[in-house]
Amino acid sequence: MNKKKNKKSNIQRFGAKLQTLRNQHGLTLQQTASLLGLSAHSHILAIESGQKLPSLELVLAIAHLFNVTTDQLLKDELELEINDAGRNMESPSPGPESK
């Protein structure tokens, strides 16, 4: 049961980091979804709110889009280091599938 609680907090932490990155880059949910190759923004919203887990492909695409490491996104003990000059706002290739 403790594992399940820890997993839930990790989901919320990832979502909070994604929301922080999106907001710091001035992107809407729809713009972020589009840049990540998703057809709808509802999947991004569900991840940010901790309702869904991102796929491995989506984690990689988010890291590439915002120029952060996957460790920064996935490890709760690591904070985000925003490097605005190095951001990549082109759609990553190949894009993950929309769920």
PDB file of N, CA and C in Angstrom:
ATOM      1  N   MET A   1       0.814  -1.191   0.000  1.00  0.00           N
ATOM      2  CA  MET A   1       0.000   0.000   0.000  1.00  0.00           C
ATOM      3  C   MET A   1       0.858   1.256   0.000  1.00  0.00           C
ATOM      4  N   ASN A   2       1.983   1.205   0.685  1.00  0.00           N
ATOM      5  CA  ASN A   2       2.898   2.332   0.708  1.00  0.00           C
ATOM      6  C   ASN A   2       3.461   2.610  -0.678  1.00  0.00           C
ATOM      7  N   LYS A   3       3.720   1.534  -1.449  1.00  0.00           N
ATOM      8  CA  LYS A   3       4.217   1.712  -2.809  1.00  0.00           C
ATOM      9  C   LYS A   3       3.212   2.464  -3.669  1.00  0.00           C
ATOM     10  N   LYS A   4       1.929   2.123  -3.511  1.00  0.00           N
ATOM     11  CA  LYS A   4       0.902   2.777  -4.297  1.00  0.00           C
ATOM     12  C   LYS A   4       0.832   4.270  -3.976  1.00  0.00           C
ATOM     13  N   LYS A   5       0.926   4.618  -2.705  1.00  0.00           N
ATOM     14  CA  LYS A   5       0.906   6.031  -2.297  1.00  0.00           C
ATOM     15  C   LYS A   5       2.111   6.766  -2.874  1.00  0.00           C
ATOM     16  N   ASN A   6       3.301   6.149  -2.823  1.00  0.00           N
ATOM     17  CA  ASN A   6       4.511   6.757  -3.365  1.00  0.00           C
ATOM     18  C   ASN A   6       4.387   6.946  -4.875  1.00  0.00           C
ATOM     19  N   LYS A   7       3.809   5.961  -5.580  1.00  0.00           N
ATOM     20  CA  LYS A   7       3.622   6.062  -7.024  1.00  0.00           C
ATOM     21  C   LYS A   7       2.707   7.243  -7.361  1.00  0.00           C
ATOM     22  N   LYS A   8       1.641   7.422  -6.599  1.00  0.00           N
ATOM     23  CA  LYS A   8       0.717   8.523  -6.829  1.00  0.00           C
ATOM     24  C   LYS A   8       1.415   9.869  -6.664  1.00  0.00           C
ATOM     25  N   SER A   9       2.252  10.013  -5.647  1.00  0.00           N
ATOM     26  CA  SER A   9       2.941  11.283  -5.449  1.00  0.00           C
ATOM     27  C   SER A   9       3.934  11.548  -6.570  1.00  0.00           C
ATOM     28  N   ASN A  10       4.562  10.503  -7.111  1.00  0.00           N
ATOM     29  CA  ASN A  10       5.464  10.667  -8.240  1.00  0.00           C
ATOM     30  C   ASN A  10       4.710  11.147  -9.474  1.00  0.00           C
ATOM     31  N   ILE A  11       3.512  10.642  -9.680  1.00  0.00           N
ATOM     32  CA  ILE A  11       2.700  11.070 -10.817  1.00  0.00           C
ATOM     33  C   ILE A  11       2.395  12.558 -10.693  1.00  0.00           C
ATOM     34  N   GLN A  12       2.009  12.986  -9.514  1.00  0.00           N
ATOM     35  CA  GLN A  12       1.674  14.391  -9.310  1.00  0.00           C
ATOM     36  C   GLN A  12       2.904  15.276  -9.458  1.00  0.00           C
ATOM     37  N   ARG A  13       4.042  14.819  -9.020  1.00  0.00           N
ATOM     38  CA  ARG A  13       5.271  15.605  -9.130  1.00  0.00           C
ATOM     39  C   ARG A  13       5.649  15.782 -10.596  1.00  0.00           C
ATOM     40  N   PHE A  14       5.527  14.726 -11.402  1.00  0.00           N
ATOM     41  CA  PHE A  14       5.819  14.835 -12.830  1.00  0.00           C
ATOM     42  C   PHE A  14       4.872  15.851 -13.467  1.00  0.00           C
ATOM     43  N   GLY A  15       3.603  15.752 -13.142  1.00  0.00           N
ATOM     44  CA  GLY A  15       2.612  16.675 -13.701  1.00  0.00           C
ATOM     45  C   GLY A  15       2.891  18.120 -13.327  1.00  0.00           C
ATOM     46  N   ALA A  16       3.313  18.334 -12.086  1.00  0.00           N
ATOM     47  CA  ALA A  16       3.641  19.690 -11.637  1.00  0.00           C
ATOM     48  C   ALA A  16       4.841  20.232 -12.401  1.00  0.00           C
ATOM     49  N   LYS A  17       5.816  19.374 -12.637  1.00  0.00           N
ATOM     50  CA  LYS A  17       6.995  19.808 -13.401  1.00  0.00           C
ATOM     51  C   LYS A  17       6.613  20.136 -14.845  1.00  0.00           C
ATOM     52  N   LEU A  18       5.760  19.320 -15.441  1.00  0.00           N
ATOM     53  CA  LEU A  18       5.309  19.585 -16.805  1.00  0.00           C
ATOM     54  C   LEU A  18       4.557  20.912 -16.865  1.00  0.00           C
ATOM     55  N   GLN A  19       3.677  21.142 -15.908  1.00  0.00           N
ATOM     56  CA  GLN A  19       2.923  22.390 -15.889  1.00  0.00           C
ATOM     57  C   GLN A  19       3.851  23.592 -15.709  1.00  0.00           C
ATOM     58  N   THR A  20       4.852  23.458 -14.849  1.00  0.00           N
ATOM     59  CA  THR A  20       5.819  24.533 -14.640  1.00  0.00           C
ATOM     60  C   THR A  20       6.564  24.846 -15.942  1.00  0.00           C
ATOM     61  N   LEU A  21       7.032  23.822 -16.620  1.00  0.00           N
ATOM     62  CA  LEU A  21       7.746  24.023 -17.885  1.00  0.00           C
ATOM     63  C   LEU A  21       6.851  24.689 -18.921  1.00  0.00           C
ATOM     64  N   ARG A  22       5.635  24.195 -19.037  1.00  0.00           N
ATOM     65  CA  ARG A  22       4.692  24.739 -20.015  1.00  0.00           C
ATOM     66  C   ARG A  22       4.419  26.210 -19.725  1.00  0.00           C
ATOM     67  N   ASN A  23       4.169  26.541 -18.465  1.00  0.00           N
ATOM     68  CA  ASN A  23       3.882  27.929 -18.096  1.00  0.00           C
ATOM     69  C   ASN A  23       5.090  28.835 -18.285  1.00  0.00           C
ATOM     70  N   GLN A  24       6.279  28.365 -17.932  1.00  0.00           N
ATOM     71  CA  GLN A  24       7.483  29.187 -18.077  1.00  0.00           C
ATOM     72  C   GLN A  24       7.816  29.454 -19.534  1.00  0.00           C
ATOM     73  N   HIS A  25       7.349  28.585 -20.420  1.00  0.00           N
ATOM     74  CA  HIS A  25       7.578  28.803 -21.846  1.00  0.00           C
ATOM     75  C   HIS A  25       6.383  29.485 -22.515  1.00  0.00           C
ATOM     76  N   GLY A  26       5.377  29.849 -21.711  1.00  0.00           N
ATOM     77  CA  GLY A  26       4.228  30.588 -22.230  1.00  0.00           C
ATOM     78  C   GLY A  26       3.360  29.791 -23.183  1.00  0.00           C
ATOM     79  N   LEU A  27       3.263  28.487 -22.950  1.00  0.00           N
ATOM     80  CA  LEU A  27       2.482  27.628 -23.838  1.00  0.00           C
ATOM     81  C   LEU A  27       1.149  27.244 -23.217  1.00  0.00           C
ATOM     82  N   THR A  28       0.120  27.181 -24.039  1.00  0.00           N
ATOM     83  CA  THR A  28      -1.170  26.681 -23.598  1.00  0.00           C
ATOM     84  C   THR A  28      -1.141  25.157 -23.631  1.00  0.00           C
ATOM     85  N   LEU A  29      -2.156  24.543 -23.060  1.00  0.00           N
ATOM     86  CA  LEU A  29      -2.279  23.082 -23.133  1.00  0.00           C
ATOM     87  C   LEU A  29      -2.332  22.626 -24.589  1.00  0.00           C
ATOM     88  N   GLN A  30      -3.120  23.331 -25.405  1.00  0.00           N
ATOM     89  CA  GLN A  30      -3.273  22.963 -26.812  1.00  0.00           C
ATOM     90  C   GLN A  30      -1.955  23.108 -27.578  1.00  0.00           C
ATOM     91  N   GLN A  31      -1.234  24.175 -27.348  1.00  0.00           N
ATOM     92  CA  GLN A  31       0.053  24.372 -28.015  1.00  0.00           C
ATOM     93  C   GLN A  31       1.039  23.273 -27.619  1.00  0.00           C
ATOM     94  N   THR A  32       1.067  22.935 -26.336  1.00  0.00           N
ATOM     95  CA  THR A  32       1.968  21.890 -25.859  1.00  0.00           C
ATOM     96  C   THR A  32       1.612  20.561 -26.488  1.00  0.00           C
ATOM     97  N   ALA A  33       0.329  20.235 -26.508  1.00  0.00           N
ATOM     98  CA  ALA A  33      -0.120  18.982 -27.120  1.00  0.00           C
ATOM     99  C   ALA A  33       0.292  18.918 -28.588  1.00  0.00           C
ATOM    100  N   SER A  34       0.092  20.003 -29.287  1.00  0.00           N
ATOM    101  CA  SER A  34       0.447  20.061 -30.708  1.00  0.00           C
ATOM    102  C   SER A  34       1.949  19.860 -30.918  1.00  0.00           C
ATOM    103  N   LEU A  35       2.760  20.538 -30.119  1.00  0.00           N
ATOM    104  CA  LEU A  35       4.211  20.412 -30.234  1.00  0.00           C
ATOM    105  C   LEU A  35       4.692  18.997 -29.901  1.00  0.00           C
ATOM    106  N   LEU A  36       3.920  18.292 -29.083  1.00  0.00           N
ATOM    107  CA  LEU A  36       4.283  16.923 -28.700  1.00  0.00           C
ATOM    108  C   LEU A  36       3.654  15.880 -29.624  1.00  0.00           C
ATOM    109  N   GLY A  37       2.933  16.333 -30.634  1.00  0.00           N
ATOM    110  CA  GLY A  37       2.342  15.408 -31.596  1.00  0.00           C
ATOM    111  C   GLY A  37       1.052  14.759 -31.136  1.00  0.00           C
ATOM    112  N   LEU A  38       0.399  15.362 -30.152  1.00  0.00           N
ATOM    113  CA  LEU A  38      -0.872  14.838 -29.660  1.00  0.00           C
ATOM    114  C   LEU A  38      -2.021  15.573 -30.339  1.00  0.00           C
ATOM    115  N   SER A  39      -3.104  14.865 -30.585  1.00  0.00           N
ATOM    116  CA  SER A  39      -4.223  15.487 -31.283  1.00  0.00           C
ATOM    117  C   SER A  39      -5.121  16.315 -30.366  1.00  0.00           C
ATOM    118  N   ALA A  40      -5.071  16.042 -29.056  1.00  0.00           N
ATOM    119  CA  ALA A  40      -5.914  16.782 -28.113  1.00  0.00           C
ATOM    120  C   ALA A  40      -5.120  17.122 -26.852  1.00  0.00           C
ATOM    121  N   HIS A  41      -5.509  18.211 -26.216  1.00  0.00           N
ATOM    122  CA  HIS A  41      -4.806  18.658 -25.015  1.00  0.00           C
ATOM    123  C   HIS A  41      -5.249  17.922 -23.754  1.00  0.00           C
ATOM    124  N   SER A  42      -6.309  17.138 -23.823  1.00  0.00           N
ATOM    125  CA  SER A  42      -6.845  16.473 -22.628  1.00  0.00           C
ATOM    126  C   SER A  42      -5.847  15.497 -22.003  1.00  0.00           C
ATOM    127  N   HIS A  43      -4.999  14.895 -22.814  1.00  0.00           N
ATOM    128  CA  HIS A  43      -3.989  13.964 -22.281  1.00  0.00           C
ATOM    129  C   HIS A  43      -2.957  14.730 -21.437  1.00  0.00           C
ATOM    130  N   ILE A  44      -2.535  15.900 -21.904  1.00  0.00           N
ATOM    131  CA  ILE A  44      -1.590  16.734 -21.154  1.00  0.00           C
ATOM    132  C   ILE A  44      -2.236  17.177 -19.841  1.00  0.00           C
ATOM    133  N   LEU A  45      -3.498  17.592 -19.901  1.00  0.00           N
ATOM    134  CA  LEU A  45      -4.215  18.021 -18.700  1.00  0.00           C
ATOM    135  C   LEU A  45      -4.306  16.875 -17.688  1.00  0.00           C
ATOM    136  N   ALA A  46      -4.588  15.665 -18.163  1.00  0.00           N
ATOM    137  CA  ALA A  46      -4.694  14.506 -17.269  1.00  0.00           C
ATOM    138  C   ALA A  46      -3.348  14.184 -16.615  1.00  0.00           C
ATOM    139  N   ILE A  47      -2.263  14.367 -17.334  1.00  0.00           N
ATOM    140  CA  ILE A  47      -0.925  14.136 -16.762  1.00  0.00           C
ATOM    141  C   ILE A  47      -0.604  15.221 -15.741  1.00  0.00           C
ATOM    142  N   GLU A  48      -0.871  16.467 -16.089  1.00  0.00           N
ATOM    143  CA  GLU A  48      -0.594  17.573 -15.164  1.00  0.00           C
ATOM    144  C   GLU A  48      -1.392  17.448 -13.865  1.00  0.00           C
ATOM    145  N   SER A  49      -2.591  16.921 -13.950  1.00  0.00           N
ATOM    146  CA  SER A  49      -3.434  16.791 -12.761  1.00  0.00           C
ATOM    147  C   SER A  49      -3.201  15.480 -12.017  1.00  0.00           C
ATOM    148  N   GLY A  50      -2.287  14.642 -12.519  1.00  0.00           N
ATOM    149  CA  GLY A  50      -1.949  13.396 -11.841  1.00  0.00           C
ATOM    150  C   GLY A  50      -2.914  12.262 -12.093  1.00  0.00           C
ATOM    151  N   GLN A  51      -3.785  12.401 -13.084  1.00  0.00           N
ATOM    152  CA  GLN A  51      -4.764  11.359 -13.384  1.00  0.00           C
ATOM    153  C   GLN A  51      -4.212  10.274 -14.301  1.00  0.00           C
ATOM    154  N   LYS A  52      -3.185  10.596 -15.081  1.00  0.00           N
ATOM    155  CA  LYS A  52      -2.586   9.627 -16.006  1.00  0.00           C
ATOM    156  C   LYS A  52      -1.076   9.664 -15.908  1.00  0.00           C
ATOM    157  N   LEU A  53      -0.477   8.538 -16.237  1.00  0.00           N
ATOM    158  CA  LEU A  53       0.973   8.437 -16.347  1.00  0.00           C
ATOM    159  C   LEU A  53       1.390   8.723 -17.783  1.00  0.00           C
ATOM    160  N   PRO A  54       2.496   9.411 -17.990  1.00  0.00           N
ATOM    161  CA  PRO A  54       2.986   9.604 -19.356  1.00  0.00           C
ATOM    162  C   PRO A  54       3.657   8.323 -19.842  1.00  0.00           C
ATOM    163  N   SER A  55       3.603   8.079 -21.131  1.00  0.00           N
ATOM    164  CA  SER A  55       4.335   6.959 -21.712  1.00  0.00           C
ATOM    165  C   SER A  55       5.819   7.318 -21.765  1.00  0.00           C
ATOM    166  N   LEU A  56       6.640   6.318 -21.943  1.00  0.00           N
ATOM    167  CA  LEU A  56       8.081   6.561 -22.074  1.00  0.00           C
ATOM    168  C   LEU A  56       8.356   7.491 -23.248  1.00  0.00           C
ATOM    169  N   GLU A  57       7.664   7.272 -24.351  1.00  0.00           N
ATOM    170  CA  GLU A  57       7.854   8.114 -25.537  1.00  0.00           C
ATOM    171  C   GLU A  57       7.484   9.563 -25.254  1.00  0.00           C
ATOM    172  N   LEU A  58       6.420   9.754 -24.476  1.00  0.00           N
ATOM    173  CA  LEU A  58       6.001  11.115 -24.155  1.00  0.00           C
ATOM    174  C   LEU A  58       6.992  11.786 -23.205  1.00  0.00           C
ATOM    175  N   VAL A  59       7.520  11.047 -22.241  1.00  0.00           N
ATOM    176  CA  VAL A  59       8.537  11.601 -21.338  1.00  0.00           C
ATOM    177  C   VAL A  59       9.743  12.074 -22.146  1.00  0.00           C
ATOM    178  N   LEU A  60      10.179  11.256 -23.091  1.00  0.00           N
ATOM    179  CA  LEU A  60      11.323  11.620 -23.935  1.00  0.00           C
ATOM    180  C   LEU A  60      11.014  12.854 -24.782  1.00  0.00           C
ATOM    181  N   ALA A  61       9.805  12.910 -25.331  1.00  0.00           N
ATOM    182  CA  ALA A  61       9.412  14.055 -26.160  1.00  0.00           C
ATOM    183  C   ALA A  61       9.342  15.337 -25.336  1.00  0.00           C
ATOM    184  N   ILE A  62       8.827  15.243 -24.106  1.00  0.00           N
ATOM    185  CA  ILE A  62       8.745  16.414 -23.227  1.00  0.00           C
ATOM    186  C   ILE A  62      10.143  16.898 -22.867  1.00  0.00           C
ATOM    187  N   ALA A  63      11.030  15.964 -22.536  1.00  0.00           N
ATOM    188  CA  ALA A  63      12.413  16.331 -22.208  1.00  0.00           C
ATOM    189  C   ALA A  63      13.073  17.038 -23.389  1.00  0.00           C
ATOM    190  N   HIS A  64      12.863  16.525 -24.591  1.00  0.00           N
ATOM    191  CA  HIS A  64      13.444  17.127 -25.793  1.00  0.00           C
ATOM    192  C   HIS A  64      12.839  18.512 -26.055  1.00  0.00           C
ATOM    193  N   LEU A  65      11.533  18.603 -25.946  1.00  0.00           N
ATOM    194  CA  LEU A  65      10.846  19.868 -26.220  1.00  0.00           C
ATOM    195  C   LEU A  65      11.317  20.989 -25.307  1.00  0.00           C
ATOM    196  N   PHE A  66      11.460  20.694 -24.020  1.00  0.00           N
ATOM    197  CA  PHE A  66      11.804  21.724 -23.046  1.00  0.00           C
ATOM    198  C   PHE A  66      13.287  21.737 -22.680  1.00  0.00           C
ATOM    199  N   ASN A  67      14.083  20.926 -23.354  1.00  0.00           N
ATOM    200  CA  ASN A  67      15.530  20.894 -23.146  1.00  0.00           C
ATOM    201  C   ASN A  67      15.891  20.642 -21.677  1.00  0.00           C
ATOM    202  N   VAL A  68      15.274  19.608 -21.110  1.00  0.00           N
ATOM    203  CA  VAL A  68      15.594  19.148 -19.759  1.00  0.00           C
ATOM    204  C   VAL A  68      15.894  17.655 -19.847  1.00  0.00           C
ATOM    205  N   THR A  69      16.494  17.123 -18.801  1.00  0.00           N
ATOM    206  CA  THR A  69      16.785  15.687 -18.807  1.00  0.00           C
ATOM    207  C   THR A  69      15.570  14.909 -18.312  1.00  0.00           C
ATOM    208  N   THR A  70      15.535  13.647 -18.687  1.00  0.00           N
ATOM    209  CA  THR A  70      14.467  12.785 -18.178  1.00  0.00           C
ATOM    210  C   THR A  70      14.605  12.612 -16.669  1.00  0.00           C
ATOM    211  N   ASP A  71      15.826  12.627 -16.164  1.00  0.00           N
ATOM    212  CA  ASP A  71      16.028  12.557 -14.714  1.00  0.00           C
ATOM    213  C   ASP A  71      15.367  13.746 -14.017  1.00  0.00           C
ATOM    214  N   GLN A  72      15.521  14.929 -14.582  1.00  0.00           N
ATOM    215  CA  GLN A  72      14.896  16.111 -13.983  1.00  0.00           C
ATOM    216  C   GLN A  72      13.376  15.975 -13.953  1.00  0.00           C
ATOM    217  N   LEU A  73      12.821  15.351 -14.972  1.00  0.00           N
ATOM    218  CA  LEU A  73      11.370  15.171 -15.026  1.00  0.00           C
ATOM    219  C   LEU A  73      10.886  14.077 -14.087  1.00  0.00           C
ATOM    220  N   LEU A  74      11.628  12.989 -14.010  1.00  0.00           N
ATOM    221  CA  LEU A  74      11.140  11.791 -13.318  1.00  0.00           C
ATOM    222  C   LEU A  74      11.567  11.660 -11.865  1.00  0.00           C
ATOM    223  N   LYS A  75      12.686  12.225 -11.501  1.00  0.00           N
ATOM    224  CA  LYS A  75      13.182  12.076 -10.132  1.00  0.00           C
ATOM    225  C   LYS A  75      12.707  13.245  -9.276  1.00  0.00           C
ATOM    226  N   ASP A  76      11.928  12.898  -8.265  1.00  0.00           N
ATOM    227  CA  ASP A  76      11.359  13.937  -7.398  1.00  0.00           C
ATOM    228  C   ASP A  76      12.421  14.774  -6.698  1.00  0.00           C
ATOM    229  N   GLU A  77      13.563  14.162  -6.385  1.00  0.00           N
ATOM    230  CA  GLU A  77      14.589  14.896  -5.640  1.00  0.00           C
ATOM    231  C   GLU A  77      15.339  15.908  -6.507  1.00  0.00           C
ATOM    232  N   LEU A  78      15.169  15.836  -7.822  1.00  0.00           N
ATOM    233  CA  LEU A  78      15.834  16.782  -8.725  1.00  0.00           C
ATOM    234  C   LEU A  78      14.865  17.888  -9.126  1.00  0.00           C
ATOM    235  N   GLU A  79      15.341  19.109  -9.024  1.00  0.00           N
ATOM    236  CA  GLU A  79      14.531  20.246  -9.449  1.00  0.00           C
ATOM    237  C   GLU A  79      14.828  20.565 -10.911  1.00  0.00           C
ATOM    238  N   LEU A  80      13.929  21.291 -11.525  1.00  0.00           N
ATOM    239  CA  LEU A  80      14.096  21.704 -12.912  1.00  0.00           C
ATOM    240  C   LEU A  80      15.098  22.849 -13.000  1.00  0.00           C
ATOM    241  N   GLU A  81      15.953  22.784 -13.990  1.00  0.00           N
ATOM    242  CA  GLU A  81      16.841  23.891 -14.304  1.00  0.00           C
ATOM    243  C   GLU A  81      16.424  24.391 -15.684  1.00  0.00           C
ATOM    244  N   ILE A  82      15.749  25.497 -15.707  1.00  0.00           N
ATOM    245  CA  ILE A  82      15.194  26.013 -16.953  1.00  0.00           C
ATOM    246  C   ILE A  82      16.277  26.746 -17.726  1.00  0.00           C
ATOM    247  N   ASN A  83      16.488  26.300 -18.944  1.00  0.00           N
ATOM    248  CA  ASN A  83      17.454  26.923 -19.841  1.00  0.00           C
ATOM    249  C   ASN A  83      16.687  27.433 -21.043  1.00  0.00           C
ATOM    250  N   ASP A  84      16.147  28.635 -20.932  1.00  0.00           N
ATOM    251  CA  ASP A  84      15.296  29.206 -21.969  1.00  0.00           C
ATOM    252  C   ASP A  84      16.031  29.359 -23.297  1.00  0.00           C
ATOM    253  N   ALA A  85      17.316  29.646 -23.247  1.00  0.00           N
ATOM    254  CA  ALA A  85      18.077  29.869 -24.486  1.00  0.00           C
ATOM    255  C   ALA A  85      18.200  28.591 -25.300  1.00  0.00           C
ATOM    256  N   GLY A  86      18.161  27.438 -24.626  1.00  0.00           N
ATOM    257  CA  GLY A  86      18.354  26.187 -25.335  1.00  0.00           C
ATOM    258  C   GLY A  86      17.085  25.438 -25.649  1.00  0.00           C
ATOM    259  N   ARG A  87      15.944  26.071 -25.451  1.00  0.00           N
ATOM    260  CA  ARG A  87      14.700  25.346 -25.655  1.00  0.00           C
ATOM    261  C   ARG A  87      14.495  24.995 -27.120  1.00  0.00           C
ATOM    262  N   ASN A  88      13.777  23.917 -27.336  1.00  0.00           N
ATOM    263  CA  ASN A  88      13.508  23.430 -28.677  1.00  0.00           C
ATOM    264  C   ASN A  88      12.004  23.422 -28.863  1.00  0.00           C
ATOM    265  N   MET A  89      11.469  24.402 -29.528  1.00  0.00           N
ATOM    266  CA  MET A  89      10.029  24.496 -29.693  1.00  0.00           C
ATOM    267  C   MET A  89       9.535  23.917 -31.015  1.00  0.00           C
ATOM    268  N   GLU A  90      10.364  23.126 -31.652  1.00  0.00           N
ATOM    269  CA  GLU A  90       9.894  22.402 -32.828  1.00  0.00           C
ATOM    270  C   GLU A  90       9.344  21.076 -32.375  1.00  0.00           C
ATOM    271  N   SER A  91       8.428  20.545 -33.141  1.00  0.00           N
ATOM    272  CA  SER A  91       7.812  19.272 -32.792  1.00  0.00           C
ATOM    273  C   SER A  91       8.862  18.163 -32.798  1.00  0.00           C
ATOM    274  N   PRO A  92       8.988  17.418 -31.687  1.00  0.00           N
ATOM    275  CA  PRO A  92       9.946  16.322 -31.656  1.00  0.00           C
ATOM    276  C   PRO A  92       9.536  15.234 -32.629  1.00  0.00           C
ATOM    277  N   SER A  93      10.488  14.512 -33.123  1.00  0.00           N
ATOM    278  CA  SER A  93      10.205  13.468 -34.096  1.00  0.00           C
ATOM    279  C   SER A  93      10.839  12.166 -33.641  1.00  0.00           C
ATOM    280  N   PRO A  94      10.177  11.044 -33.674  1.00  0.00           N
ATOM    281  CA  PRO A  94       8.757  10.900 -33.988  1.00  0.00           C
ATOM    282  C   PRO A  94       7.897  11.226 -32.769  1.00  0.00           C
ATOM    283  N   GLY A  95       6.696  11.701 -32.997  1.00  0.00           N
ATOM    284  CA  GLY A  95       5.803  12.072 -31.914  1.00  0.00           C
ATOM    285  C   GLY A  95       5.119  10.863 -31.316  1.00  0.00           C
ATOM    286  N   PRO A  96       4.832  10.915 -30.024  1.00  0.00           N
ATOM    287  CA  PRO A  96       4.101   9.830 -29.373  1.00  0.00           C
ATOM    288  C   PRO A  96       2.657   9.810 -29.820  1.00  0.00           C
ATOM    289  N   GLU A  97       2.043   8.677 -29.683  1.00  0.00           N
ATOM    290  CA  GLU A  97       0.664   8.535 -30.077  1.00  0.00           C
ATOM    291  C   GLU A  97      -0.249   9.184 -29.069  1.00  0.00           C
ATOM    292  N   SER A  98      -1.350   9.733 -29.535  1.00  0.00           N
ATOM    293  CA  SER A  98      -2.356  10.293 -28.645  1.00  0.00           C
ATOM    294  C   SER A  98      -3.135   9.158 -28.015  1.00  0.00           C
ATOM    295  N   LYS A  99      -3.478   9.313 -26.753  1.00  0.00           N
ATOM    296  CA  LYS A  99      -4.218   8.257 -26.060  1.00  0.00           C
ATOM    297  C   LYS A  99      -5.618   8.679 -25.817  1.00  0.00           C
TER     298      LYS A  99
END
